[in-house]
Amino acid sequence: MTPAPHANPIPNILTGLRLAAGVVMFLLLAGAAPQGLPFLPPDFLSPSDQFRFARTAFIIFIVAASTDWIDGFLARRWHATTRWGAILDPIADKVLITGAILGVLAWGSVPQAAIPCGLILFREFAVSALRETVAGKVKLPVTLLAKWKTVLQMVALAVLQLALAPLWEGFGLPFEWLRHFQTFAYLLLWLATVVTLWTGWQYFSKAQQKMRQL
């Protein structure tokens, strides 16, 4: 779709807010981690404070993740697609996902998530580097599976945040169910990781084919 010269700014505003939300969410999760805030004693925040921080971060993530669909829908409906929006949208997605991953890992209570989270980050950085390297030479349009990959990542990270013990207990959910829910969260995260790696391989394969044709 051709970018509109005087497009409605609301979709881009939502995208910008999603980018900012990723940073705020990460700071809340990292700040409420059991290790405590920098330069402050570990017990500076009470368990109730940690829950409020984690709950706020969780809500921010859910709201911000929903804007990934809303801003695209509004841009198409209002014919408000812009070059700036096309650039900012994947950046906002990556900041939100990276912030959620780093924030969850900062808690240190979900060690099984370290490997899949690391693989997701490696793939995202690698594909971003690939796009930058071949820019102007090869076009790598976003595939439908890659779009669903982002959705799956966001759902998995939302579930993983809920699997944090302080957040789970703060919501009053049965503690005996927590271990099973964490297992479900890990499986969902691994599913997102497999799809993430597969789409990354597709991009590199497509780039290699097109470079050979030059």
C-alpha atoms as a PDB file:
ATOM      1  CA  MET A   1       0.000   0.000   0.000  1.00  0.00           C
ATOM      2  CA  THR A   2       1.322   3.456  -0.921  1.00  0.00           C
ATOM      3  CA  PRO A   3       2.085   5.582   2.157  1.00  0.00           C
ATOM      4  CA  ALA A   4      -0.337   8.460   2.638  1.00  0.00           C
ATOM      5  CA  PRO A   5       1.339  11.914   2.637  1.00  0.00           C
ATOM      6  CA  HIS A   6      -1.046  13.389   5.260  1.00  0.00           C
ATOM      7  CA  ALA A   7      -2.105  10.306   7.160  1.00  0.00           C
ATOM      8  CA  ASN A   8      -4.011  10.194  10.436  1.00  0.00           C
ATOM      9  CA  PRO A   9      -1.317  10.156  13.161  1.00  0.00           C
ATOM     10  CA  ILE A  10      -3.210   7.954  15.637  1.00  0.00           C
ATOM     11  CA  PRO A  11      -1.786   4.590  14.390  1.00  0.00           C
ATOM     12  CA  ASN A  12       1.766   5.937  14.678  1.00  0.00           C
ATOM     13  CA  ILE A  13       1.003   7.365  18.117  1.00  0.00           C
ATOM     14  CA  LEU A  14      -0.194   3.949  19.275  1.00  0.00           C
ATOM     15  CA  THR A  15       2.977   2.377  17.881  1.00  0.00           C
ATOM     16  CA  GLY A  16       5.114   4.926  19.723  1.00  0.00           C
ATOM     17  CA  LEU A  17       3.238   4.270  22.943  1.00  0.00           C
ATOM     18  CA  ARG A  18       3.869   0.544  22.511  1.00  0.00           C
ATOM     19  CA  LEU A  19       7.578   1.226  22.210  1.00  0.00           C
ATOM     20  CA  ALA A  20       7.578   3.347  25.386  1.00  0.00           C
ATOM     21  CA  ALA A  21       5.440   0.762  27.177  1.00  0.00           C
ATOM     22  CA  GLY A  22       8.080  -1.906  26.555  1.00  0.00           C
ATOM     23  CA  VAL A  23      10.687   0.170  28.379  1.00  0.00           C
ATOM     24  CA  VAL A  24       8.385   1.030  31.295  1.00  0.00           C
ATOM     25  CA  MET A  25       7.264  -2.589  31.667  1.00  0.00           C
ATOM     26  CA  PHE A  26      10.873  -3.784  31.783  1.00  0.00           C
ATOM     27  CA  LEU A  27      11.804  -1.223  34.453  1.00  0.00           C
ATOM     28  CA  LEU A  28       8.833  -2.264  36.591  1.00  0.00           C
ATOM     29  CA  LEU A  29       9.642  -5.978  36.337  1.00  0.00           C
ATOM     30  CA  ALA A  30      13.369  -5.498  36.903  1.00  0.00           C
ATOM     31  CA  GLY A  31      12.806  -3.034  39.728  1.00  0.00           C
ATOM     32  CA  ALA A  32      10.473  -5.413  41.563  1.00  0.00           C
ATOM     33  CA  ALA A  33      12.786  -8.420  41.158  1.00  0.00           C
ATOM     34  CA  PRO A  34      13.819 -10.258  44.346  1.00  0.00           C
ATOM     35  CA  GLN A  35      17.350  -8.838  44.035  1.00  0.00           C
ATOM     36  CA  GLY A  36      15.913  -5.400  44.723  1.00  0.00           C
ATOM     37  CA  LEU A  37      16.494  -2.010  43.182  1.00  0.00           C
ATOM     38  CA  PRO A  38      20.040  -0.752  42.549  1.00  0.00           C
ATOM     39  CA  PHE A  39      21.676   0.955  45.530  1.00  0.00           C
ATOM     40  CA  LEU A  40      18.800  -0.096  47.783  1.00  0.00           C
ATOM     41  CA  PRO A  41      18.589  -3.018  50.241  1.00  0.00           C
ATOM     42  CA  PRO A  42      17.053  -6.246  48.878  1.00  0.00           C
ATOM     43  CA  ASP A  43      14.087  -5.992  51.251  1.00  0.00           C
ATOM     44  CA  PHE A  44      13.304  -2.378  50.315  1.00  0.00           C
ATOM     45  CA  LEU A  45      10.168  -3.533  48.506  1.00  0.00           C
ATOM     46  CA  SER A  46       7.677  -5.638  50.416  1.00  0.00           C
ATOM     47  CA  PRO A  47       5.979  -8.635  48.770  1.00  0.00           C
ATOM     48  CA  SER A  48       2.890  -6.482  48.260  1.00  0.00           C
ATOM     49  CA  ASP A  49       5.028  -3.837  46.539  1.00  0.00           C
ATOM     50  CA  GLN A  50       6.520  -6.496  44.276  1.00  0.00           C
ATOM     51  CA  PHE A  51       3.043  -7.675  43.380  1.00  0.00           C
ATOM     52  CA  ARG A  52       1.902  -4.165  42.511  1.00  0.00           C
ATOM     53  CA  PHE A  53       4.947  -3.644  40.314  1.00  0.00           C
ATOM     54  CA  ALA A  54       4.486  -6.998  38.574  1.00  0.00           C
ATOM     55  CA  ARG A  55       0.738  -6.473  38.180  1.00  0.00           C
ATOM     56  CA  THR A  56       1.247  -3.048  36.625  1.00  0.00           C
ATOM     57  CA  ALA A  57       3.897  -4.442  34.262  1.00  0.00           C
ATOM     58  CA  PHE A  58       1.570  -7.297  33.301  1.00  0.00           C
ATOM     59  CA  ILE A  59      -1.312  -4.932  32.543  1.00  0.00           C
ATOM     60  CA  ILE A  60       0.970  -2.633  30.542  1.00  0.00           C
ATOM     61  CA  PHE A  61       2.182  -5.597  28.502  1.00  0.00           C
ATOM     62  CA  ILE A  62      -1.348  -6.831  27.738  1.00  0.00           C
ATOM     63  CA  VAL A  63      -2.541  -3.373  26.700  1.00  0.00           C
ATOM     64  CA  ALA A  64       0.606  -2.632  24.680  1.00  0.00           C
ATOM     65  CA  ALA A  65       0.525  -6.008  22.916  1.00  0.00           C
ATOM     66  CA  SER A  66      -3.094  -5.394  21.870  1.00  0.00           C
ATOM     67  CA  THR A  67      -2.068  -2.177  20.111  1.00  0.00           C
ATOM     68  CA  ASP A  68       0.054  -4.252  17.713  1.00  0.00           C
ATOM     69  CA  TRP A  69      -3.176  -5.331  16.043  1.00  0.00           C
ATOM     70  CA  ILE A  70      -5.104  -2.101  16.612  1.00  0.00           C
ATOM     71  CA  ASP A  71      -2.607   0.288  15.029  1.00  0.00           C
ATOM     72  CA  GLY A  72      -2.277  -1.897  11.930  1.00  0.00           C
ATOM     73  CA  PHE A  73      -6.042  -2.224  11.636  1.00  0.00           C
ATOM     74  CA  LEU A  74      -6.572   1.538  11.946  1.00  0.00           C
ATOM     75  CA  ALA A  75      -3.767   2.313   9.480  1.00  0.00           C
ATOM     76  CA  ARG A  76      -5.346   0.061   6.857  1.00  0.00           C
ATOM     77  CA  ARG A  77      -8.898   1.215   7.563  1.00  0.00           C
ATOM     78  CA  TRP A  78      -8.019   4.907   7.429  1.00  0.00           C
ATOM     79  CA  HIS A  79      -5.471   4.487   4.619  1.00  0.00           C
ATOM     80  CA  ALA A  80      -2.979   5.978   7.056  1.00  0.00           C
ATOM     81  CA  THR A  81       0.089   3.841   6.367  1.00  0.00           C
ATOM     82  CA  THR A  82       3.337   5.813   6.464  1.00  0.00           C
ATOM     83  CA  ARG A  83       7.019   4.998   5.967  1.00  0.00           C
ATOM     84  CA  TRP A  84       7.690   6.082   9.527  1.00  0.00           C
ATOM     85  CA  GLY A  85       5.000   3.740  10.803  1.00  0.00           C
ATOM     86  CA  ALA A  86       6.430   0.848   8.772  1.00  0.00           C
ATOM     87  CA  ILE A  87       9.838   1.500  10.354  1.00  0.00           C
ATOM     88  CA  LEU A  88       8.583   2.074  13.894  1.00  0.00           C
ATOM     89  CA  ASP A  89       6.184  -0.885  14.112  1.00  0.00           C
ATOM     90  CA  PRO A  90       8.760  -3.736  14.096  1.00  0.00           C
ATOM     91  CA  ILE A  91      11.020  -1.727  16.417  1.00  0.00           C
ATOM     92  CA  ALA A  92       8.176  -1.302  18.912  1.00  0.00           C
ATOM     93  CA  ASP A  93       7.401  -5.020  18.737  1.00  0.00           C
ATOM     94  CA  LYS A  94      11.022  -5.968  19.386  1.00  0.00           C
ATOM     95  CA  VAL A  95      11.366  -3.507  22.284  1.00  0.00           C
ATOM     96  CA  LEU A  96       8.186  -4.839  23.891  1.00  0.00           C
ATOM     97  CA  ILE A  97       9.228  -8.469  23.482  1.00  0.00           C
ATOM     98  CA  THR A  98      12.812  -7.843  24.581  1.00  0.00           C
ATOM     99  CA  GLY A  99      11.625  -5.852  27.598  1.00  0.00           C
ATOM    100  CA  ALA A 100       9.300  -8.671  28.647  1.00  0.00           C
ATOM    101  CA  ILE A 101      12.039 -11.290  28.259  1.00  0.00           C
ATOM    102  CA  LEU A 102      14.665  -9.339  30.196  1.00  0.00           C
ATOM    103  CA  GLY A 103      12.168  -8.338  32.853  1.00  0.00           C
ATOM    104  CA  VAL A 104      11.023 -11.905  33.453  1.00  0.00           C
ATOM    105  CA  LEU A 105      14.599 -13.221  33.506  1.00  0.00           C
ATOM    106  CA  ALA A 106      15.522 -10.535  36.044  1.00  0.00           C
ATOM    107  CA  TRP A 107      13.265 -12.275  38.542  1.00  0.00           C
ATOM    108  CA  GLY A 108      15.412 -15.400  38.368  1.00  0.00           C
ATOM    109  CA  SER A 109      12.435 -17.556  39.356  1.00  0.00           C
ATOM    110  CA  VAL A 110      11.911 -19.115  35.921  1.00  0.00           C
ATOM    111  CA  PRO A 111      15.344 -20.531  34.964  1.00  0.00           C
ATOM    112  CA  GLN A 112      13.811 -22.940  32.452  1.00  0.00           C
ATOM    113  CA  ALA A 113      12.861 -19.922  30.357  1.00  0.00           C
ATOM    114  CA  ALA A 114      16.459 -18.759  29.859  1.00  0.00           C
ATOM    115  CA  ILE A 115      17.296 -20.936  26.827  1.00  0.00           C
ATOM    116  CA  PRO A 116      14.121 -20.304  24.762  1.00  0.00           C
ATOM    117  CA  CYS A 117      14.190 -16.604  25.645  1.00  0.00           C
ATOM    118  CA  GLY A 118      17.838 -16.396  24.579  1.00  0.00           C
ATOM    119  CA  LEU A 119      17.106 -18.141  21.284  1.00  0.00           C
ATOM    120  CA  ILE A 120      14.266 -15.716  20.570  1.00  0.00           C
ATOM    121  CA  LEU A 121      16.535 -12.731  21.202  1.00  0.00           C
ATOM    122  CA  PHE A 122      19.334 -14.185  19.059  1.00  0.00           C
ATOM    123  CA  ARG A 123      16.939 -14.723  16.146  1.00  0.00           C
ATOM    124  CA  GLU A 124      15.468 -11.229  16.406  1.00  0.00           C
ATOM    125  CA  PHE A 125      18.898  -9.590  16.432  1.00  0.00           C
ATOM    126  CA  ALA A 126      20.125 -11.797  13.574  1.00  0.00           C
ATOM    127  CA  VAL A 127      17.150 -11.018  11.325  1.00  0.00           C
ATOM    128  CA  SER A 128      17.416  -7.300  12.107  1.00  0.00           C
ATOM    129  CA  ALA A 129      21.099  -7.411  11.151  1.00  0.00           C
ATOM    130  CA  LEU A 130      20.222  -9.325   7.982  1.00  0.00           C
ATOM    131  CA  ARG A 131      17.659  -6.724   6.945  1.00  0.00           C
ATOM    132  CA  GLU A 132      20.116  -3.918   7.560  1.00  0.00           C
ATOM    133  CA  THR A 133      22.859  -5.688   5.598  1.00  0.00           C
ATOM    134  CA  VAL A 134      20.767  -6.383   2.495  1.00  0.00           C
ATOM    135  CA  ALA A 135      18.809  -3.114   2.608  1.00  0.00           C
ATOM    136  CA  GLY A 136      18.603  -1.605  -0.863  1.00  0.00           C
ATOM    137  CA  LYS A 137      19.651  -4.886  -2.483  1.00  0.00           C
ATOM    138  CA  VAL A 138      17.065  -7.468  -1.465  1.00  0.00           C
ATOM    139  CA  LYS A 139      13.512  -6.977  -0.227  1.00  0.00           C
ATOM    140  CA  LEU A 140      12.422  -9.274   2.587  1.00  0.00           C
ATOM    141  CA  PRO A 141       8.711  -8.636   3.156  1.00  0.00           C
ATOM    142  CA  VAL A 142       7.199  -9.797   6.425  1.00  0.00           C
ATOM    143  CA  THR A 143       5.589 -13.201   5.964  1.00  0.00           C
ATOM    144  CA  LEU A 144       2.232 -14.221   7.380  1.00  0.00           C
ATOM    145  CA  LEU A 145       3.925 -16.805   9.607  1.00  0.00           C
ATOM    146  CA  ALA A 146       6.262 -14.112  10.945  1.00  0.00           C
ATOM    147  CA  LYS A 147       3.253 -11.994  11.903  1.00  0.00           C
ATOM    148  CA  TRP A 148       1.731 -14.927  13.772  1.00  0.00           C
ATOM    149  CA  LYS A 149       5.133 -15.541  15.321  1.00  0.00           C
ATOM    150  CA  THR A 150       4.943 -12.136  16.968  1.00  0.00           C
ATOM    151  CA  VAL A 151       1.456 -12.867  18.280  1.00  0.00           C
ATOM    152  CA  LEU A 152       2.609 -16.215  19.659  1.00  0.00           C
ATOM    153  CA  GLN A 153       5.605 -14.597  21.332  1.00  0.00           C
ATOM    154  CA  MET A 154       3.401 -12.020  23.047  1.00  0.00           C
ATOM    155  CA  VAL A 155       0.910 -14.631  24.253  1.00  0.00           C
ATOM    156  CA  ALA A 156       3.706 -16.854  25.564  1.00  0.00           C
ATOM    157  CA  LEU A 157       5.391 -13.956  27.393  1.00  0.00           C
ATOM    158  CA  ALA A 158       2.090 -12.851  28.920  1.00  0.00           C
ATOM    159  CA  VAL A 159       1.541 -16.380  30.236  1.00  0.00           C
ATOM    160  CA  LEU A 160       5.144 -16.493  31.465  1.00  0.00           C
ATOM    161  CA  GLN A 161       4.668 -13.255  33.403  1.00  0.00           C
ATOM    162  CA  LEU A 162       1.573 -14.673  35.059  1.00  0.00           C
ATOM    163  CA  ALA A 163       3.646 -17.726  36.005  1.00  0.00           C
ATOM    164  CA  LEU A 164       5.820 -15.554  38.260  1.00  0.00           C
ATOM    165  CA  ALA A 165       5.117 -16.648  41.810  1.00  0.00           C
ATOM    166  CA  PRO A 166       4.487 -13.143  43.289  1.00  0.00           C
ATOM    167  CA  LEU A 167       2.059 -12.271  40.517  1.00  0.00           C
ATOM    168  CA  TRP A 168       0.314 -15.650  40.660  1.00  0.00           C
ATOM    169  CA  GLU A 169      -0.123 -15.499  44.440  1.00  0.00           C
ATOM    170  CA  GLY A 170      -1.033 -11.805  44.349  1.00  0.00           C
ATOM    171  CA  PHE A 171      -3.975 -12.549  42.099  1.00  0.00           C
ATOM    172  CA  GLY A 172      -5.116 -15.141  44.652  1.00  0.00           C
ATOM    173  CA  LEU A 173      -4.729 -18.101  42.315  1.00  0.00           C
ATOM    174  CA  PRO A 174      -4.307 -21.587  43.865  1.00  0.00           C
ATOM    175  CA  PHE A 175      -0.624 -22.095  44.638  1.00  0.00           C
ATOM    176  CA  GLU A 176      -0.853 -25.844  43.994  1.00  0.00           C
ATOM    177  CA  TRP A 177      -1.666 -25.079  40.363  1.00  0.00           C
ATOM    178  CA  LEU A 178       1.388 -22.852  39.878  1.00  0.00           C
ATOM    179  CA  ARG A 179       3.842 -25.609  38.943  1.00  0.00           C
ATOM    180  CA  HIS A 180       1.487 -26.988  36.295  1.00  0.00           C
ATOM    181  CA  PHE A 181       0.848 -23.517  34.938  1.00  0.00           C
ATOM    182  CA  GLN A 182       4.578 -22.839  34.752  1.00  0.00           C
ATOM    183  CA  THR A 183       5.021 -26.061  32.777  1.00  0.00           C
ATOM    184  CA  PHE A 184       2.323 -24.869  30.386  1.00  0.00           C
ATOM    185  CA  ALA A 185       4.089 -21.498  30.118  1.00  0.00           C
ATOM    186  CA  TYR A 186       7.415 -23.178  29.253  1.00  0.00           C
ATOM    187  CA  LEU A 187       5.795 -25.361  26.589  1.00  0.00           C
ATOM    188  CA  LEU A 188       4.074 -22.362  25.043  1.00  0.00           C
ATOM    189  CA  LEU A 189       7.345 -20.431  25.130  1.00  0.00           C
ATOM    190  CA  TRP A 190       9.180 -23.287  23.393  1.00  0.00           C
ATOM    191  CA  LEU A 191       6.470 -23.398  20.719  1.00  0.00           C
ATOM    192  CA  ALA A 192       6.995 -19.677  20.131  1.00  0.00           C
ATOM    193  CA  THR A 193      10.750 -20.295  20.004  1.00  0.00           C
ATOM    194  CA  VAL A 194      10.455 -23.029  17.360  1.00  0.00           C
ATOM    195  CA  VAL A 195       8.239 -20.841  15.162  1.00  0.00           C
ATOM    196  CA  THR A 196      10.604 -17.909  15.723  1.00  0.00           C
ATOM    197  CA  LEU A 197      13.648 -19.912  14.629  1.00  0.00           C
ATOM    198  CA  TRP A 198      11.801 -21.362  11.638  1.00  0.00           C
ATOM    199  CA  THR A 199      10.791 -17.925  10.352  1.00  0.00           C
ATOM    200  CA  GLY A 200      14.360 -16.737  10.880  1.00  0.00           C
ATOM    201  CA  TRP A 201      15.663 -19.594   8.743  1.00  0.00           C
ATOM    202  CA  GLN A 202      13.102 -18.683   6.069  1.00  0.00           C
ATOM    203  CA  TYR A 203      14.380 -15.110   5.925  1.00  0.00           C
ATOM    204  CA  PHE A 204      18.021 -16.170   5.647  1.00  0.00           C
ATOM    205  CA  SER A 205      17.156 -18.780   2.994  1.00  0.00           C
ATOM    206  CA  LYS A 206      15.163 -16.248   0.966  1.00  0.00           C
ATOM    207  CA  ALA A 207      17.947 -13.658   1.259  1.00  0.00           C
ATOM    208  CA  GLN A 208      20.530 -16.193   0.067  1.00  0.00           C
ATOM    209  CA  GLN A 209      18.412 -17.130  -2.957  1.00  0.00           C
ATOM    210  CA  LYS A 210      17.855 -13.524  -3.963  1.00  0.00           C
ATOM    211  CA  MET A 211      21.528 -12.580  -3.489  1.00  0.00           C
ATOM    212  CA  ARG A 212      22.526 -15.357  -5.889  1.00  0.00           C
ATOM    213  CA  GLN A 213      20.268 -13.836  -8.536  1.00  0.00           C
ATOM    214  CA  LEU A 214      21.995 -10.451  -8.388  1.00  0.00           C
END
